[in-house]
């Protein structure tokens, strides 16, 4: 049974690592979205934007 328990623990650690990676990716995507919303948020005129496309 020891070998099975070691395999189960390894599987749980791998699943936990995947969950942490997914969570970090979601947090990073949210942060990029916040920055994008701050830069391209509603403005009175396009000339007041800090970044322009053309």
Protein backbone atom coordinates (compact mmCIF):
# COMPACT_ATOMS: atom_id res chain seq x y z
CA UNK A 1 0.00 0.00 0.00
CA UNK A 2 2.92 2.34 0.50
CA UNK A 3 3.60 2.56 -3.24
CA UNK A 4 -0.05 3.42 -3.88
CA UNK A 5 0.00 6.13 -1.23
CA UNK A 6 3.15 7.64 -2.69
CA UNK A 7 1.56 7.64 -6.16
CA UNK A 8 -1.63 9.24 -4.81
CA UNK A 9 0.40 11.93 -3.06
CA UNK A 10 2.32 12.60 -6.26
CA UNK A 11 -0.92 12.88 -8.23
CA UNK A 12 -2.37 15.29 -5.66
CA UNK A 13 0.73 17.47 -5.77
CA UNK A 14 0.59 17.56 -9.58
CA UNK A 15 -3.09 18.52 -9.50
CA UNK A 16 -2.36 21.22 -6.92
CA UNK A 17 0.43 22.61 -9.12
CA UNK A 18 -1.97 22.76 -12.07
CA UNK A 19 -4.59 24.56 -9.96
CA UNK A 20 -2.01 27.09 -8.79
CA UNK A 21 -0.84 27.69 -12.38
CA UNK A 22 -4.44 28.17 -13.53
CA UNK A 23 -5.13 30.58 -10.66
CA UNK A 24 -1.98 32.58 -11.36
CA UNK A 25 -2.89 32.74 -15.05
CA UNK A 26 -6.38 33.99 -14.21
CA UNK A 27 -4.96 36.64 -11.86
CA UNK A 28 -2.48 37.75 -14.53
CA UNK A 29 -5.22 38.00 -17.13
CA UNK A 30 -7.34 40.02 -14.71
CA UNK A 31 -4.42 42.39 -14.07
CA UNK A 32 -3.87 42.89 -17.81
CA UNK A 33 -7.60 43.57 -18.19
CA UNK A 34 -7.49 46.19 -15.41
CA UNK A 35 -4.53 47.95 -17.03
CA UNK A 36 -6.22 47.87 -20.42
CA UNK A 37 -9.46 49.25 -18.97
CA UNK A 38 -7.51 52.03 -17.25
CA UNK A 39 -5.73 53.01 -20.46
CA UNK A 40 -8.69 52.72 -22.82
CA UNK A 41 -11.48 53.70 -20.44
CA UNK A 42 -14.19 56.19 -21.32
CA UNK A 43 -12.78 59.63 -22.07
CA UNK A 44 -14.31 62.90 -23.20
CA UNK A 45 -12.00 63.14 -26.20
CA UNK A 46 -9.52 60.88 -27.93
CA UNK A 47 -6.74 63.44 -27.65
CA UNK A 48 -6.69 62.98 -23.87
CA UNK A 49 -5.74 59.30 -24.09
CA UNK A 50 -2.19 58.50 -22.89
CA UNK A 51 -1.66 56.11 -25.83
CA UNK A 52 -2.83 56.42 -29.43
CA UNK A 53 -2.93 53.84 -32.20
CA UNK A 54 -1.96 56.09 -35.09
